[in-house]
Protein backbone atom coordinates (compact mmCIF):
# COMPACT_ATOMS: atom_id res chain seq x y z
CA MET A 1 -81.04 122.91 -63.18
CA ALA A 2 -80.85 123.72 -66.88
CA ALA A 3 -83.44 125.98 -68.49
CA ASP A 4 -84.35 123.21 -70.94
CA ASP A 5 -85.15 120.61 -68.24
CA GLY A 6 -88.70 119.35 -68.46
CA LEU A 7 -89.18 120.34 -72.09
CA THR A 8 -90.14 118.00 -74.89
CA ARG A 9 -87.63 117.20 -77.61
CA SER A 10 -89.34 119.58 -80.06
CA GLU A 11 -89.41 122.36 -77.45
CA ARG A 12 -85.70 121.87 -76.74
CA GLU A 13 -84.90 121.92 -80.45
CA LEU A 14 -86.91 125.10 -81.01
CA ALA A 15 -85.19 126.73 -78.01
CA ARG A 16 -81.78 125.75 -79.39
CA LEU A 17 -82.59 127.16 -82.82
CA LEU A 18 -83.91 130.39 -81.30
CA ARG A 19 -80.71 130.83 -79.29
CA GLU A 20 -78.66 130.16 -82.42
CA ALA A 21 -80.71 132.66 -84.43
CA HIS A 22 -80.31 135.35 -81.74
CA SER A 23 -76.54 134.76 -81.72
CA ARG A 24 -76.35 135.02 -85.49
CA VAL A 25 -78.34 138.25 -85.54
CA ARG A 26 -76.08 139.80 -82.87
CA VAL A 27 -72.93 139.35 -84.98
CA LEU A 28 -74.45 140.05 -88.40
CA PRO A 29 -72.57 142.85 -90.24
CA VAL A 30 -75.65 144.96 -90.97
CA PRO A 31 -76.80 148.45 -89.98
CA PRO A 32 -78.24 148.75 -86.45
CA GLU A 33 -81.73 149.36 -87.85
CA THR A 34 -81.64 146.04 -89.71
CA ARG A 35 -80.33 144.20 -86.65
CA GLN A 36 -83.12 145.73 -84.54
CA ARG A 37 -85.78 144.69 -87.07
CA LEU A 38 -84.44 141.13 -87.13
CA ALA A 39 -84.33 140.99 -83.32
CA LYS A 40 -87.96 142.16 -83.13
CA HIS A 41 -88.93 139.46 -85.61
CA LEU A 42 -87.26 136.85 -83.41
CA LEU A 43 -89.08 138.18 -80.35
CA ALA A 44 -92.36 137.77 -82.22
CA ILE A 45 -91.44 134.16 -82.99
CA CYS A 46 -90.60 133.60 -79.31
CA GLY A 47 -94.01 134.97 -78.38
CA ALA A 48 -95.70 132.71 -80.90
CA ALA A 49 -93.88 129.70 -79.42
CA LYS A 50 -95.74 130.21 -76.15
CA HIS A 51 -99.05 129.61 -77.92
CA ASP A 52 -98.36 127.45 -80.97
CA LEU A 53 -95.09 125.54 -81.11
CA ASP A 54 -95.59 124.23 -84.64
CA ARG A 55 -96.39 127.66 -86.06
CA ALA A 56 -93.38 129.17 -84.28
CA ALA A 57 -91.13 126.44 -85.68
CA THR A 58 -92.42 127.14 -89.19
CA ARG A 59 -91.88 130.88 -88.77
CA LEU A 60 -88.38 130.30 -87.40
CA GLU A 61 -87.50 128.04 -90.31
CA SER A 62 -88.57 130.76 -92.74
CA PHE A 63 -86.66 133.38 -90.72
CA LEU A 64 -83.47 131.29 -90.82
CA ILE A 65 -83.75 130.87 -94.60
CA ASP A 66 -84.15 134.64 -94.98
CA LEU A 67 -81.22 135.18 -92.60
CA ASP A 68 -79.05 132.83 -94.69
CA ASP A 69 -80.00 134.82 -97.80
CA LEU A 70 -79.16 138.09 -96.05
CA VAL A 71 -75.77 136.76 -94.95
CA SER A 72 -75.08 135.49 -98.47
CA ASP A 73 -76.04 138.87 -99.97
CA THR A 74 -73.89 140.72 -97.42
CA ARG A 75 -70.85 138.56 -98.17
CA SER A 76 -71.38 138.87 -101.93
CA ALA A 77 -71.62 142.65 -101.72
CA GLY A 78 -68.25 142.70 -99.97
CA ASN A 79 -66.65 140.79 -102.84
CA ILE A 80 -67.62 143.25 -105.56
CA ALA A 81 -64.81 145.59 -106.59
CA GLU A 82 -65.49 149.32 -106.74
CA GLY A 83 -66.77 150.34 -110.15
CA ASP A 84 -68.21 146.93 -111.03
């Protein structure tokens, strides 16, 4: 029996996005303190999902946008030559 059995479509989608976000945070090339802060933020979103699915989905969407920006900034910083 899969963990997602018995969930609505929106619940399954939120669960999928949360798993994806956790995976992305785990492999993000950032200091451990940053990774820990991001993981705590995701745990808060998971907690919110137990009470208000729509609010959790909105928070997760915002988190993913911020995560995309962080990844973009991290990659850009790696492309700057020393002394620039």
